[in-house]
N, C-alpha and C. Protein backbone atom coordinates (compact mmCIF):
# COMPACT_ATOMS: atom_id res chain seq x y z
N UNK A 1 0.80 -1.19 0.00
CA UNK A 1 0.00 0.00 0.00
C UNK A 1 0.85 1.26 0.00
N UNK A 2 1.98 1.23 0.63
CA UNK A 2 2.80 2.43 0.72
C UNK A 2 3.37 2.87 -0.62
N UNK A 3 3.43 1.97 -1.58
CA UNK A 3 3.97 2.39 -2.87
C UNK A 3 2.90 2.97 -3.78
N UNK A 4 1.67 3.09 -3.28
CA UNK A 4 0.57 3.64 -4.06
C UNK A 4 -0.24 4.64 -3.26
N UNK A 5 0.40 5.58 -2.60
CA UNK A 5 -0.31 6.60 -1.83
C UNK A 5 -0.71 7.72 -2.78
N UNK A 6 -2.00 7.98 -2.86
CA UNK A 6 -2.53 9.00 -3.76
C UNK A 6 -3.17 10.10 -2.92
N UNK A 7 -2.66 11.30 -3.04
CA UNK A 7 -3.18 12.43 -2.28
C UNK A 7 -4.35 13.05 -3.02
N UNK A 8 -5.45 13.28 -2.31
CA UNK A 8 -6.61 13.94 -2.91
C UNK A 8 -7.11 15.01 -1.96
N UNK A 9 -7.93 15.89 -2.48
CA UNK A 9 -8.49 16.95 -1.66
C UNK A 9 -7.64 18.21 -1.68
N UNK A 10 -8.16 19.25 -1.08
CA UNK A 10 -7.49 20.54 -1.08
C UNK A 10 -6.12 20.55 -0.44
N UNK A 11 -5.92 19.74 0.60
CA UNK A 11 -4.61 19.70 1.26
C UNK A 11 -3.50 19.30 0.31
N UNK A 12 -3.82 18.50 -0.68
CA UNK A 12 -2.80 18.05 -1.64
C UNK A 12 -2.25 19.22 -2.46
N UNK A 13 -2.93 20.35 -2.43
CA UNK A 13 -2.48 21.54 -3.17
C UNK A 13 -1.50 22.39 -2.37
N UNK A 14 -1.37 22.13 -1.07
CA UNK A 14 -0.44 22.91 -0.26
C UNK A 14 0.99 22.68 -0.75
N UNK A 15 1.80 23.73 -0.78
CA UNK A 15 3.20 23.56 -1.20
C UNK A 15 3.91 22.53 -0.32
N UNK A 16 4.61 21.63 -0.93
CA UNK A 16 5.43 20.60 -0.26
C UNK A 16 4.62 19.60 0.56
N UNK A 17 3.31 19.56 0.40
CA UNK A 17 2.49 18.63 1.17
C UNK A 17 2.86 17.18 0.84
N UNK A 18 2.99 16.87 -0.44
CA UNK A 18 3.36 15.51 -0.84
C UNK A 18 4.70 15.09 -0.28
N UNK A 19 5.64 16.01 -0.28
CA UNK A 19 6.97 15.72 0.27
C UNK A 19 6.87 15.45 1.78
N UNK A 20 6.05 16.23 2.46
CA UNK A 20 5.89 16.04 3.90
C UNK A 20 5.26 14.68 4.20
N UNK A 21 4.23 14.32 3.46
CA UNK A 21 3.59 13.01 3.66
C UNK A 21 4.59 11.90 3.40
N UNK A 22 5.34 12.03 2.32
CA UNK A 22 6.36 11.03 2.01
C UNK A 22 7.35 10.89 3.17
N UNK A 23 7.88 12.00 3.65
CA UNK A 23 8.88 11.96 4.73
C UNK A 23 8.31 11.35 6.00
N UNK A 24 7.07 11.68 6.32
CA UNK A 24 6.47 11.12 7.53
C UNK A 24 6.23 9.61 7.39
N UNK A 25 5.78 9.18 6.22
CA UNK A 25 5.60 7.74 5.99
C UNK A 25 6.94 7.01 6.00
N UNK A 26 7.91 7.60 5.37
CA UNK A 26 9.24 7.00 5.29
C UNK A 26 9.80 6.75 6.68
N UNK A 27 9.57 7.67 7.61
CA UNK A 27 10.06 7.52 8.98
C UNK A 27 9.33 6.42 9.75
N UNK A 28 8.13 6.10 9.33
CA UNK A 28 7.31 5.14 10.07
C UNK A 28 7.46 3.69 9.62
N UNK A 29 8.12 3.47 8.50
CA UNK A 29 8.19 2.10 7.99
C UNK A 29 9.63 1.69 7.69
N UNK A 30 9.90 0.40 7.72
CA UNK A 30 11.25 -0.08 7.43
C UNK A 30 11.68 0.28 6.01
N UNK A 31 12.97 0.39 5.81
CA UNK A 31 13.55 0.76 4.51
C UNK A 31 13.21 -0.23 3.40
N UNK A 32 12.89 -1.47 3.76
CA UNK A 32 12.60 -2.46 2.72
C UNK A 32 11.29 -2.17 1.99
N UNK A 33 10.44 -1.32 2.59
CA UNK A 33 9.17 -0.96 1.95
C UNK A 33 9.38 0.23 1.02
N UNK A 34 8.85 0.10 -0.18
CA UNK A 34 8.89 1.21 -1.13
C UNK A 34 7.76 2.18 -0.80
N UNK A 35 8.09 3.46 -0.75
CA UNK A 35 7.09 4.50 -0.48
C UNK A 35 7.01 5.40 -1.70
N UNK A 36 5.81 5.59 -2.22
CA UNK A 36 5.59 6.46 -3.37
C UNK A 36 4.33 7.27 -3.11
N UNK A 37 4.48 8.59 -3.10
CA UNK A 37 3.36 9.49 -2.85
C UNK A 37 3.16 10.34 -4.10
N UNK A 38 1.95 10.33 -4.65
CA UNK A 38 1.66 11.13 -5.84
C UNK A 38 0.35 11.89 -5.64
N UNK A 39 0.17 12.89 -6.48
CA UNK A 39 -1.08 13.66 -6.49
C UNK A 39 -1.51 13.84 -7.94
N UNK A 40 -2.79 13.75 -8.22
CA UNK A 40 -3.27 13.97 -9.59
C UNK A 40 -3.19 15.45 -9.96
N UNK A 41 -3.42 15.75 -11.22
CA UNK A 41 -3.38 17.15 -11.67
C UNK A 41 -4.38 18.02 -10.92
N UNK A 42 -5.57 17.49 -10.66
CA UNK A 42 -6.58 18.25 -9.92
C UNK A 42 -7.04 17.44 -8.71
N UNK A 43 -6.30 17.49 -7.61
CA UNK A 43 -6.63 16.65 -6.46
C UNK A 43 -7.93 17.03 -5.78
N UNK A 44 -8.41 18.25 -6.00
CA UNK A 44 -9.62 18.70 -5.32
C UNK A 44 -10.84 17.90 -5.78
N UNK A 45 -10.95 17.61 -7.06
CA UNK A 45 -12.12 16.89 -7.56
C UNK A 45 -11.85 15.42 -7.89
N UNK A 46 -10.63 14.98 -7.67
CA UNK A 46 -10.24 13.62 -8.07
C UNK A 46 -11.09 12.55 -7.38
N UNK A 47 -11.31 12.68 -6.08
CA UNK A 47 -12.10 11.68 -5.36
C UNK A 47 -13.53 11.65 -5.87
N UNK A 48 -14.09 12.81 -6.18
CA UNK A 48 -15.46 12.88 -6.70
C UNK A 48 -15.55 12.15 -8.04
N UNK A 49 -14.58 12.39 -8.92
CA UNK A 49 -14.58 11.71 -10.22
C UNK A 49 -14.45 10.19 -10.05
N UNK A 50 -13.65 9.77 -9.07
CA UNK A 50 -13.53 8.34 -8.79
C UNK A 50 -14.85 7.75 -8.32
N UNK A 51 -15.59 8.50 -7.50
CA UNK A 51 -16.91 8.05 -7.06
C UNK A 51 -17.88 7.92 -8.21
N UNK A 52 -17.84 8.88 -9.12
CA UNK A 52 -18.70 8.82 -10.31
C UNK A 52 -18.40 7.56 -11.11
N UNK A 53 -17.13 7.28 -11.31
CA UNK A 53 -16.74 6.08 -12.07
C UNK A 53 -17.19 4.81 -11.34
N UNK A 54 -17.03 4.78 -10.02
CA UNK A 54 -17.42 3.60 -9.25
C UNK A 54 -18.91 3.32 -9.38
N UNK A 55 -19.71 4.36 -9.32
CA UNK A 55 -21.16 4.16 -9.37
C UNK A 55 -21.68 3.89 -10.77
N UNK A 56 -20.85 4.02 -11.77
CA UNK A 56 -21.23 3.62 -13.12
C UNK A 56 -20.99 2.13 -13.35
N UNK A 57 -20.28 1.50 -12.44
CA UNK A 57 -20.00 0.07 -12.54
C UNK A 57 -21.27 -0.72 -12.21
N UNK A 58 -21.66 -1.66 -13.06
CA UNK A 58 -22.89 -2.43 -12.78
C UNK A 58 -22.80 -3.28 -11.51
N UNK A 59 -21.60 -3.55 -11.03
CA UNK A 59 -21.44 -4.36 -9.82
C UNK A 59 -21.29 -3.51 -8.56
N UNK A 60 -21.63 -2.24 -8.62
CA UNK A 60 -21.43 -1.35 -7.48
C UNK A 60 -22.18 -1.82 -6.24
N UNK A 61 -23.31 -2.48 -6.40
CA UNK A 61 -24.07 -2.94 -5.23
C UNK A 61 -23.33 -3.98 -4.41
N UNK A 62 -22.29 -4.57 -4.99
CA UNK A 62 -21.49 -5.53 -4.24
C UNK A 62 -20.56 -4.84 -3.24
N UNK A 63 -20.30 -3.55 -3.44
CA UNK A 63 -19.32 -2.86 -2.59
C UNK A 63 -19.91 -1.72 -1.77
N UNK A 64 -21.23 -1.57 -1.76
CA UNK A 64 -21.84 -0.50 -0.98
C UNK A 64 -22.96 -1.03 -0.10
N UNK A 65 -23.30 -0.24 0.90
CA UNK A 65 -24.48 -0.46 1.72
C UNK A 65 -25.29 0.82 1.62
N UNK A 66 -26.53 0.71 1.23
CA UNK A 66 -27.37 1.90 1.11
C UNK A 66 -27.83 2.36 2.49
N UNK A 67 -28.26 3.60 2.56
CA UNK A 67 -28.80 4.14 3.80
C UNK A 67 -29.99 3.30 4.26
N UNK A 68 -30.85 2.94 3.33
CA UNK A 68 -32.03 2.13 3.65
C UNK A 68 -31.62 0.78 4.23
N UNK A 69 -30.64 0.13 3.60
CA UNK A 69 -30.18 -1.17 4.10
C UNK A 69 -29.62 -1.03 5.52
N UNK A 70 -28.86 0.03 5.75
CA UNK A 70 -28.27 0.24 7.07
C UNK A 70 -29.35 0.52 8.11
N UNK A 71 -30.30 1.38 7.75
CA UNK A 71 -31.37 1.71 8.70
C UNK A 71 -32.23 0.50 9.03
N UNK A 72 -32.44 -0.37 8.07
CA UNK A 72 -33.27 -1.55 8.30
C UNK A 72 -32.52 -2.67 9.02
N UNK A 73 -31.20 -2.77 8.80
CA UNK A 73 -30.45 -3.92 9.31
C UNK A 73 -29.34 -3.57 10.29
N UNK A 74 -28.92 -2.33 10.35
CA UNK A 74 -27.89 -1.90 11.28
C UNK A 74 -26.48 -2.30 10.87
N UNK A 75 -25.57 -2.09 11.80
CA UNK A 75 -24.15 -2.35 11.55
C UNK A 75 -23.88 -3.83 11.26
N UNK A 76 -24.70 -4.70 11.81
CA UNK A 76 -24.50 -6.14 11.58
C UNK A 76 -24.57 -6.47 10.09
N UNK A 77 -25.38 -5.73 9.36
CA UNK A 77 -25.49 -5.95 7.91
C UNK A 77 -24.15 -5.66 7.24
N UNK A 78 -23.49 -4.60 7.66
CA UNK A 78 -22.17 -4.25 7.10
C UNK A 78 -21.16 -5.35 7.41
N UNK A 79 -21.15 -5.81 8.64
CA UNK A 79 -20.21 -6.87 9.01
C UNK A 79 -20.47 -8.13 8.20
N UNK A 80 -21.73 -8.47 8.04
CA UNK A 80 -22.09 -9.66 7.28
C UNK A 80 -21.68 -9.53 5.81
N UNK A 81 -21.86 -8.35 5.25
CA UNK A 81 -21.58 -8.14 3.84
C UNK A 81 -20.09 -8.06 3.54
N UNK A 82 -19.32 -7.42 4.42
CA UNK A 82 -17.92 -7.14 4.10
C UNK A 82 -16.91 -7.96 4.88
N UNK A 83 -17.31 -8.66 5.90
CA UNK A 83 -16.36 -9.43 6.71
C UNK A 83 -16.19 -10.82 6.14
N UNK A 84 -15.43 -10.88 5.04
CA UNK A 84 -15.20 -12.20 4.43
C UNK A 84 -13.78 -12.31 3.95
């Protein structure tokens, strides 16, 4: 996971933010792990575009719990669906 860190949101636009994240991660893990931190051209809307793409997938219902499902079944429904 450390070799695929993708920064999104407004914070990714701060000067040297990516370098800071890289340095902090690098200090927390052994040298044998590769650390790579990147940011897309427009990090502010990148997560939103990813969500749009995800919900266009016909199999999206396999990876989400709707509000209605949660309200009717509670947290146990999430555990049952995703704890495998």
